[in-house]
Amino acid sequence: MRYNDFHKQLRYKFKHAVKESCNKEGCKLDLSSLSSYEITVIDADQYAKRQGHSGKRCDCFVFFSDATMSVSAVEMKSGRADMGEALEQIQAGAKECQNLVRDLSDVKFYPILLARHVDSAEIKILLGRRIRFRGEKYKVIKEKCGAKLKDIVAKWS
């Protein structure tokens, strides 16, 4: 499946959950610097509501592609971050993203936590845990609210 067809399929199937940006309660992931990429943002709450899912979930799924397909499970915390809860939410998002890209062979994954403040005890929890996606374990990428996805991809690719 070509990536632009995949984006069209996502936008059609989940049109109720497609958003222009990935933001929540004053925290946002800056997508503006990815003008050469095709981007689809899905609000995970709206997605879950329509799919009949309950339980933990991240805030957004961000699918972006140029020569390769990439996906991010993004959790945003505008206040203090409870790292255990945030990790559970990102892991639940990773599982849903994995299901959504199951027909694609080569997909890069970025588990992202955006937060205004994380204290040192919470950082230790973050450093000790990994997010599973397609059988691989990924370190959570912790950035400040407002971080640019382009910079995250450049740093973590």
N, C-alpha and C. Protein backbone atom coordinates (compact mmCIF):
# COMPACT_ATOMS: atom_id res chain seq x y z
N MET A 1 0.85 -1.18 0.00
CA MET A 1 0.00 0.00 0.00
C MET A 1 0.89 1.24 0.00
N ARG A 2 0.61 2.15 -0.89
CA ARG A 2 1.37 3.41 -0.91
C ARG A 2 0.96 4.25 0.30
N TYR A 3 1.89 5.06 0.78
CA TYR A 3 1.63 5.82 2.00
C TYR A 3 0.51 6.84 1.84
N ASN A 4 0.41 7.50 0.68
CA ASN A 4 -0.67 8.48 0.53
C ASN A 4 -2.02 7.76 0.54
N ASP A 5 -2.09 6.53 0.03
CA ASP A 5 -3.33 5.75 0.12
C ASP A 5 -3.64 5.40 1.56
N PHE A 6 -2.61 5.10 2.33
CA PHE A 6 -2.80 4.79 3.74
C PHE A 6 -3.37 6.00 4.48
N HIS A 7 -2.82 7.18 4.22
CA HIS A 7 -3.34 8.40 4.85
C HIS A 7 -4.79 8.64 4.46
N LYS A 8 -5.12 8.48 3.21
CA LYS A 8 -6.51 8.66 2.75
C LYS A 8 -7.44 7.68 3.45
N GLN A 9 -6.99 6.44 3.58
CA GLN A 9 -7.79 5.42 4.25
C GLN A 9 -8.03 5.79 5.72
N LEU A 10 -6.98 6.23 6.41
CA LEU A 10 -7.13 6.66 7.81
C LEU A 10 -8.12 7.81 7.92
N ARG A 11 -7.95 8.82 7.06
CA ARG A 11 -8.81 10.01 7.13
C ARG A 11 -10.26 9.68 6.84
N TYR A 12 -10.49 8.72 5.96
CA TYR A 12 -11.86 8.32 5.64
C TYR A 12 -12.46 7.48 6.77
N LYS A 13 -11.74 6.46 7.17
CA LYS A 13 -12.26 5.52 8.17
C LYS A 13 -12.46 6.17 9.54
N PHE A 14 -11.60 7.13 9.89
CA PHE A 14 -11.66 7.76 11.22
C PHE A 14 -11.89 9.26 11.12
N LYS A 15 -12.71 9.67 10.15
CA LYS A 15 -12.94 11.11 9.91
C LYS A 15 -13.46 11.84 11.15
N HIS A 16 -14.18 11.15 12.00
CA HIS A 16 -14.69 11.73 13.25
C HIS A 16 -13.56 12.08 14.23
N ALA A 17 -12.40 11.47 14.05
CA ALA A 17 -11.30 11.65 15.01
C ALA A 17 -10.10 12.39 14.42
N VAL A 18 -10.13 12.71 13.13
CA VAL A 18 -8.99 13.40 12.50
C VAL A 18 -8.93 14.84 12.97
N LYS A 19 -7.74 15.29 13.31
CA LYS A 19 -7.52 16.66 13.78
C LYS A 19 -6.46 17.33 12.92
N GLU A 20 -6.41 18.63 12.99
CA GLU A 20 -5.38 19.39 12.28
C GLU A 20 -4.08 19.47 13.07
N SER A 21 -4.18 19.29 14.39
CA SER A 21 -3.00 19.43 15.23
C SER A 21 -3.07 18.42 16.38
N CYS A 22 -1.95 18.28 17.07
CA CYS A 22 -1.86 17.40 18.23
C CYS A 22 -1.65 18.31 19.44
N ASN A 23 -2.74 18.63 20.13
CA ASN A 23 -2.65 19.50 21.30
C ASN A 23 -3.73 19.17 22.30
N LYS A 24 -3.46 19.49 23.55
CA LYS A 24 -4.43 19.25 24.62
C LYS A 24 -4.06 20.11 25.82
N GLU A 25 -5.03 20.84 26.31
CA GLU A 25 -4.89 21.64 27.54
C GLU A 25 -3.61 22.47 27.57
N GLY A 26 -3.34 23.18 26.49
CA GLY A 26 -2.21 24.09 26.45
C GLY A 26 -0.87 23.45 26.13
N CYS A 27 -0.86 22.17 25.88
CA CYS A 27 0.38 21.47 25.50
C CYS A 27 0.21 21.01 24.06
N LYS A 28 1.27 21.16 23.25
CA LYS A 28 1.12 20.80 21.84
C LYS A 28 2.41 20.28 21.25
N LEU A 29 2.26 19.45 20.21
CA LEU A 29 3.36 18.98 19.41
C LEU A 29 3.36 19.81 18.15
N ASP A 30 4.47 20.49 17.88
CA ASP A 30 4.56 21.38 16.72
C ASP A 30 4.84 20.56 15.46
N LEU A 31 3.88 20.56 14.54
CA LEU A 31 3.99 19.82 13.29
C LEU A 31 4.34 20.73 12.12
N SER A 32 4.46 22.02 12.35
CA SER A 32 4.61 23.00 11.28
C SER A 32 5.88 22.83 10.45
N SER A 33 6.90 22.25 11.02
CA SER A 33 8.17 22.14 10.30
C SER A 33 8.23 20.91 9.39
N LEU A 34 7.14 20.17 9.28
CA LEU A 34 7.11 18.97 8.45
C LEU A 34 6.30 19.19 7.18
N SER A 35 6.49 20.32 6.54
CA SER A 35 5.66 20.66 5.37
C SER A 35 5.85 19.69 4.21
N SER A 36 6.99 19.02 4.11
CA SER A 36 7.21 18.07 3.01
C SER A 36 6.62 16.69 3.31
N TYR A 37 6.14 16.48 4.51
CA TYR A 37 5.57 15.19 4.91
C TYR A 37 4.05 15.21 4.74
N GLU A 38 3.49 14.04 4.50
CA GLU A 38 2.04 13.89 4.60
C GLU A 38 1.77 13.51 6.05
N ILE A 39 0.82 14.19 6.69
CA ILE A 39 0.57 14.00 8.13
C ILE A 39 -0.91 13.74 8.36
N THR A 40 -1.20 12.76 9.22
CA THR A 40 -2.56 12.52 9.68
C THR A 40 -2.50 12.44 11.20
N VAL A 41 -3.30 13.27 11.86
CA VAL A 41 -3.38 13.28 13.32
C VAL A 41 -4.75 12.75 13.72
N ILE A 42 -4.75 11.79 14.63
CA ILE A 42 -5.99 11.21 15.12
C ILE A 42 -6.08 11.46 16.62
N ASP A 43 -7.21 12.04 17.04
CA ASP A 43 -7.50 12.25 18.45
C ASP A 43 -7.84 10.88 19.04
N ALA A 44 -7.03 10.39 19.95
CA ALA A 44 -7.20 9.04 20.49
C ALA A 44 -8.48 8.89 21.29
N ASP A 45 -8.94 9.95 21.95
CA ASP A 45 -10.21 9.87 22.69
C ASP A 45 -11.39 9.66 21.75
N GLN A 46 -11.42 10.43 20.66
CA GLN A 46 -12.51 10.28 19.68
C GLN A 46 -12.43 8.93 18.97
N TYR A 47 -11.24 8.50 18.65
CA TYR A 47 -11.02 7.19 18.05
C TYR A 47 -11.57 6.09 18.96
N ALA A 48 -11.19 6.14 20.24
CA ALA A 48 -11.61 5.12 21.20
C ALA A 48 -13.12 5.10 21.38
N LYS A 49 -13.71 6.29 21.43
CA LYS A 49 -15.16 6.39 21.61
C LYS A 49 -15.90 5.66 20.48
N ARG A 50 -15.48 5.90 19.25
CA ARG A 50 -16.12 5.27 18.09
C ARG A 50 -15.80 3.79 17.96
N GLN A 51 -14.62 3.40 18.42
CA GLN A 51 -14.21 2.00 18.30
C GLN A 51 -14.71 1.16 19.47
N GLY A 52 -15.29 1.83 20.48
CA GLY A 52 -15.80 1.11 21.64
C GLY A 52 -14.73 0.69 22.62
N HIS A 53 -13.58 1.36 22.57
CA HIS A 53 -12.48 1.04 23.49
C HIS A 53 -12.65 1.86 24.77
N SER A 54 -12.30 1.24 25.88
CA SER A 54 -12.27 1.98 27.14
C SER A 54 -10.90 1.74 27.76
N GLY A 55 -10.62 2.46 28.80
CA GLY A 55 -9.33 2.28 29.47
C GLY A 55 -8.33 3.35 29.09
N LYS A 56 -7.09 3.09 29.43
CA LYS A 56 -6.02 4.05 29.21
C LYS A 56 -5.76 4.24 27.72
N ARG A 57 -5.34 5.46 27.36
CA ARG A 57 -4.93 5.75 25.99
C ARG A 57 -4.16 7.06 25.98
N CYS A 58 -3.32 7.22 24.99
CA CYS A 58 -2.58 8.46 24.84
C CYS A 58 -3.51 9.52 24.24
N ASP A 59 -2.98 10.71 24.00
CA ASP A 59 -3.82 11.80 23.48
C ASP A 59 -3.97 11.79 21.97
N CYS A 60 -2.89 11.50 21.25
CA CYS A 60 -2.92 11.56 19.77
C CYS A 60 -2.09 10.45 19.17
N PHE A 61 -2.52 10.05 17.98
CA PHE A 61 -1.69 9.22 17.10
C PHE A 61 -1.30 10.15 15.95
N VAL A 62 -0.02 10.23 15.66
CA VAL A 62 0.45 11.07 14.56
C VAL A 62 1.14 10.15 13.55
N PHE A 63 0.56 10.09 12.34
CA PHE A 63 1.13 9.31 11.24
C PHE A 63 1.75 10.30 10.27
N PHE A 64 3.01 10.10 9.93
CA PHE A 64 3.66 11.03 9.01
C PHE A 64 4.60 10.26 8.09
N SER A 65 4.63 10.69 6.84
CA SER A 65 5.43 9.95 5.86
C SER A 65 6.03 10.88 4.82
N ASP A 66 7.19 10.49 4.38
CA ASP A 66 7.81 11.03 3.17
C ASP A 66 8.28 9.78 2.43
N ALA A 67 9.53 9.41 2.52
CA ALA A 67 10.00 8.16 1.90
C ALA A 67 9.67 6.95 2.76
N THR A 68 9.45 7.16 4.06
CA THR A 68 9.09 6.08 4.97
C THR A 68 7.87 6.50 5.79
N MET A 69 7.19 5.51 6.34
CA MET A 69 6.05 5.77 7.22
C MET A 69 6.54 5.78 8.65
N SER A 70 6.08 6.77 9.41
CA SER A 70 6.38 6.87 10.83
C SER A 70 5.09 7.10 11.58
N VAL A 71 5.07 6.67 12.83
CA VAL A 71 3.90 6.89 13.68
C VAL A 71 4.39 7.22 15.09
N SER A 72 3.64 8.11 15.73
CA SER A 72 3.94 8.47 17.12
C SER A 72 2.70 8.29 17.97
N ALA A 73 2.87 7.71 19.14
CA ALA A 73 1.85 7.71 20.18
C ALA A 73 2.27 8.85 21.10
N VAL A 74 1.42 9.88 21.19
CA VAL A 74 1.79 11.11 21.90
C VAL A 74 0.90 11.31 23.12
N GLU A 75 1.53 11.49 24.27
CA GLU A 75 0.83 11.84 25.50
C GLU A 75 1.31 13.22 25.93
N MET A 76 0.35 14.08 26.30
CA MET A 76 0.68 15.45 26.68
C MET A 76 0.21 15.72 28.11
N LYS A 77 1.08 16.29 28.90
CA LYS A 77 0.77 16.64 30.29
C LYS A 77 1.08 18.12 30.49
N SER A 78 0.04 18.91 30.72
CA SER A 78 0.25 20.34 30.93
C SER A 78 0.62 20.65 32.38
N GLY A 79 0.26 19.76 33.29
CA GLY A 79 0.63 19.92 34.69
C GLY A 79 1.72 18.94 35.05
N ARG A 80 1.76 18.53 36.28
CA ARG A 80 2.74 17.54 36.71
C ARG A 80 2.41 16.20 36.06
N ALA A 81 3.44 15.50 35.66
CA ALA A 81 3.25 14.22 34.98
C ALA A 81 3.38 13.05 35.95
N ASP A 82 2.35 12.22 36.02
CA ASP A 82 2.43 10.95 36.74
C ASP A 82 3.01 9.96 35.74
N MET A 83 4.27 9.61 35.92
CA MET A 83 4.98 8.84 34.90
C MET A 83 4.40 7.45 34.70
N GLY A 84 3.98 6.80 35.76
CA GLY A 84 3.38 5.47 35.61
C GLY A 84 2.15 5.51 34.73
N GLU A 85 1.28 6.47 34.98
CA GLU A 85 0.07 6.63 34.18
C GLU A 85 0.41 7.02 32.74
N ALA A 86 1.33 7.95 32.57
CA ALA A 86 1.72 8.38 31.23
C ALA A 86 2.29 7.22 30.41
N LEU A 87 3.10 6.39 31.03
CA LEU A 87 3.67 5.23 30.33
C LEU A 87 2.59 4.24 29.92
N GLU A 88 1.61 4.02 30.80
CA GLU A 88 0.49 3.13 30.45
C GLU A 88 -0.30 3.70 29.27
N GLN A 89 -0.51 5.01 29.27
CA GLN A 89 -1.25 5.64 28.18
C GLN A 89 -0.49 5.54 26.85
N ILE A 90 0.82 5.75 26.89
CA ILE A 90 1.62 5.65 25.67
C ILE A 90 1.64 4.20 25.18
N GLN A 91 1.76 3.25 26.10
CA GLN A 91 1.77 1.84 25.69
C GLN A 91 0.44 1.45 25.05
N ALA A 92 -0.67 1.92 25.61
CA ALA A 92 -1.98 1.64 25.01
C ALA A 92 -2.07 2.26 23.61
N GLY A 93 -1.52 3.47 23.45
CA GLY A 93 -1.49 4.11 22.15
C GLY A 93 -0.62 3.36 21.16
N ALA A 94 0.50 2.84 21.63
CA ALA A 94 1.40 2.05 20.77
C ALA A 94 0.68 0.81 20.24
N LYS A 95 -0.11 0.19 21.10
CA LYS A 95 -0.86 -1.01 20.68
C LYS A 95 -1.86 -0.67 19.58
N GLU A 96 -2.57 0.45 19.75
CA GLU A 96 -3.53 0.86 18.72
C GLU A 96 -2.82 1.24 17.42
N CYS A 97 -1.72 1.97 17.53
CA CYS A 97 -0.95 2.33 16.33
C CYS A 97 -0.45 1.09 15.61
N GLN A 98 0.01 0.12 16.37
CA GLN A 98 0.48 -1.14 15.79
C GLN A 98 -0.63 -1.81 14.99
N ASN A 99 -1.84 -1.80 15.53
CA ASN A 99 -2.98 -2.38 14.81
C ASN A 99 -3.28 -1.60 13.54
N LEU A 100 -3.18 -0.29 13.60
CA LEU A 100 -3.52 0.54 12.44
C LEU A 100 -2.52 0.41 11.30
N VAL A 101 -1.26 0.11 11.61
CA VAL A 101 -0.23 -0.01 10.56
C VAL A 101 0.10 -1.47 10.26
N ARG A 102 -0.73 -2.39 10.68
CA ARG A 102 -0.41 -3.81 10.54
C ARG A 102 -0.15 -4.25 9.10
N ASP A 103 -0.73 -3.57 8.11
CA ASP A 103 -0.52 -3.94 6.71
C ASP A 103 0.72 -3.30 6.08
N LEU A 104 1.42 -2.47 6.83
CA LEU A 104 2.62 -1.81 6.32
C LEU A 104 3.85 -2.54 6.86
N SER A 105 4.84 -2.73 6.00
CA SER A 105 5.99 -3.53 6.42
C SER A 105 7.05 -2.75 7.19
N ASP A 106 7.38 -1.56 6.78
CA ASP A 106 8.48 -0.82 7.40
C ASP A 106 7.94 0.47 8.01
N VAL A 107 7.84 0.50 9.34
CA VAL A 107 7.27 1.65 10.03
C VAL A 107 8.21 2.06 11.17
N LYS A 108 8.54 3.34 11.22
CA LYS A 108 9.32 3.87 12.35
C LYS A 108 8.33 4.30 13.44
N PHE A 109 8.74 4.11 14.69
CA PHE A 109 7.86 4.43 15.82
C PHE A 109 8.54 5.38 16.79
N TYR A 110 7.78 6.37 17.24
CA TYR A 110 8.28 7.36 18.19
C TYR A 110 7.27 7.50 19.34
N PRO A 111 7.55 6.92 20.52
CA PRO A 111 6.68 7.13 21.69
C PRO A 111 7.06 8.46 22.35
N ILE A 112 6.14 9.41 22.37
CA ILE A 112 6.48 10.77 22.81
C ILE A 112 5.65 11.18 24.02
N LEU A 113 6.33 11.72 25.02
CA LEU A 113 5.70 12.35 26.17
C LEU A 113 6.08 13.82 26.16
N LEU A 114 5.08 14.68 26.04
CA LEU A 114 5.31 16.12 26.15
C LEU A 114 4.80 16.56 27.51
N ALA A 115 5.63 17.28 28.25
CA ALA A 115 5.23 17.72 29.59
C ALA A 115 5.87 19.05 29.92
N ARG A 116 5.16 19.82 30.70
CA ARG A 116 5.71 21.10 31.17
C ARG A 116 6.75 20.85 32.26
N HIS A 117 6.47 19.87 33.14
CA HIS A 117 7.38 19.62 34.26
C HIS A 117 7.36 18.14 34.62
N VAL A 118 8.54 17.58 34.80
CA VAL A 118 8.68 16.21 35.29
C VAL A 118 9.75 16.26 36.37
N ASP A 119 9.41 15.80 37.60
CA ASP A 119 10.41 15.86 38.67
C ASP A 119 11.38 14.68 38.57
N SER A 120 12.46 14.72 39.33
CA SER A 120 13.55 13.75 39.21
C SER A 120 13.10 12.32 39.52
N ALA A 121 12.18 12.14 40.48
CA ALA A 121 11.69 10.80 40.79
C ALA A 121 10.93 10.22 39.60
N GLU A 122 10.18 11.05 38.92
CA GLU A 122 9.42 10.60 37.75
C GLU A 122 10.36 10.28 36.58
N ILE A 123 11.45 11.04 36.47
CA ILE A 123 12.44 10.78 35.41
C ILE A 123 13.04 9.39 35.59
N LYS A 124 13.31 8.99 36.85
CA LYS A 124 13.86 7.65 37.11
C LYS A 124 12.91 6.56 36.64
N ILE A 125 11.62 6.76 36.85
CA ILE A 125 10.62 5.79 36.37
C ILE A 125 10.67 5.73 34.84
N LEU A 126 10.72 6.89 34.23
CA LEU A 126 10.75 6.97 32.76
C LEU A 126 11.98 6.26 32.20
N LEU A 127 13.13 6.45 32.81
CA LEU A 127 14.37 5.85 32.31
C LEU A 127 14.38 4.33 32.44
N GLY A 128 13.60 3.81 33.38
CA GLY A 128 13.60 2.37 33.62
C GLY A 128 12.60 1.58 32.80
N ARG A 129 11.75 2.23 32.05
CA ARG A 129 10.69 1.52 31.31
C ARG A 129 10.80 1.76 29.82
N ARG A 130 10.28 0.82 29.06
CA ARG A 130 10.27 0.91 27.60
C ARG A 130 8.85 0.64 27.08
N ILE A 131 8.59 1.11 25.87
CA ILE A 131 7.31 0.92 25.20
C ILE A 131 7.50 -0.12 24.11
N ARG A 132 6.61 -1.11 24.07
CA ARG A 132 6.69 -2.16 23.06
C ARG A 132 5.87 -1.79 21.83
N PHE A 133 6.49 -2.02 20.66
CA PHE A 133 5.82 -1.79 19.37
C PHE A 133 6.40 -2.79 18.38
N ARG A 134 5.56 -3.63 17.85
CA ARG A 134 5.98 -4.66 16.88
C ARG A 134 7.15 -5.50 17.39
N GLY A 135 7.09 -5.88 18.65
CA GLY A 135 8.11 -6.75 19.22
C GLY A 135 9.40 -6.07 19.65
N GLU A 136 9.52 -4.79 19.38
CA GLU A 136 10.71 -4.03 19.77
C GLU A 136 10.39 -3.19 21.01
N LYS A 137 11.43 -2.82 21.75
CA LYS A 137 11.27 -1.95 22.92
C LYS A 137 11.86 -0.59 22.59
N TYR A 138 11.10 0.46 22.92
CA TYR A 138 11.50 1.83 22.62
C TYR A 138 11.55 2.67 23.89
N LYS A 139 12.57 3.48 23.99
CA LYS A 139 12.68 4.46 25.07
C LYS A 139 11.68 5.58 24.80
N VAL A 140 10.98 6.04 25.83
CA VAL A 140 10.05 7.15 25.68
C VAL A 140 10.84 8.43 25.44
N ILE A 141 10.40 9.19 24.48
CA ILE A 141 11.03 10.46 24.14
C ILE A 141 10.32 11.54 24.94
N LYS A 142 11.00 12.12 25.92
CA LYS A 142 10.40 13.15 26.77
C LYS A 142 10.88 14.51 26.29
N GLU A 143 9.93 15.35 25.94
CA GLU A 143 10.24 16.71 25.49
C GLU A 143 9.28 17.68 26.16
N LYS A 144 9.62 18.94 26.09
CA LYS A 144 8.74 20.00 26.63
C LYS A 144 7.57 20.23 25.68
N CYS A 145 6.45 20.69 26.23
CA CYS A 145 5.31 21.08 25.40
C CYS A 145 5.79 22.10 24.37
N GLY A 146 5.31 21.96 23.14
CA GLY A 146 5.70 22.86 22.07
C GLY A 146 6.86 22.36 21.23
N ALA A 147 7.41 21.19 21.58
CA ALA A 147 8.54 20.63 20.83
C ALA A 147 8.14 20.39 19.38
N LYS A 148 9.12 20.50 18.49
CA LYS A 148 8.90 20.28 17.06
C LYS A 148 9.13 18.82 16.72
N LEU A 149 8.16 18.22 16.05
CA LEU A 149 8.28 16.82 15.66
C LEU A 149 9.51 16.63 14.76
N LYS A 150 9.79 17.58 13.90
CA LYS A 150 10.95 17.47 13.02
C LYS A 150 12.25 17.33 13.84
N ASP A 151 12.38 18.09 14.92
CA ASP A 151 13.57 18.01 15.77
C ASP A 151 13.64 16.67 16.49
N ILE A 152 12.48 16.17 16.94
CA ILE A 152 12.44 14.87 17.62
C ILE A 152 12.89 13.78 16.66
N VAL A 153 12.36 13.80 15.44
CA VAL A 153 12.73 12.78 14.45
C VAL A 153 14.22 12.85 14.13
N ALA A 154 14.75 14.06 13.97
CA ALA A 154 16.18 14.23 13.67
C ALA A 154 17.05 13.67 14.81
N LYS A 155 16.62 13.91 16.02
CA LYS A 155 17.40 13.50 17.20
C LYS A 155 17.32 11.98 17.45
N TRP A 156 16.16 11.37 17.17
CA TRP A 156 15.93 9.99 17.56
C TRP A 156 15.93 8.99 16.39
N SER A 157 16.24 9.42 15.19
CA SER A 157 16.26 8.48 14.06
C SER A 157 17.59 7.76 13.95
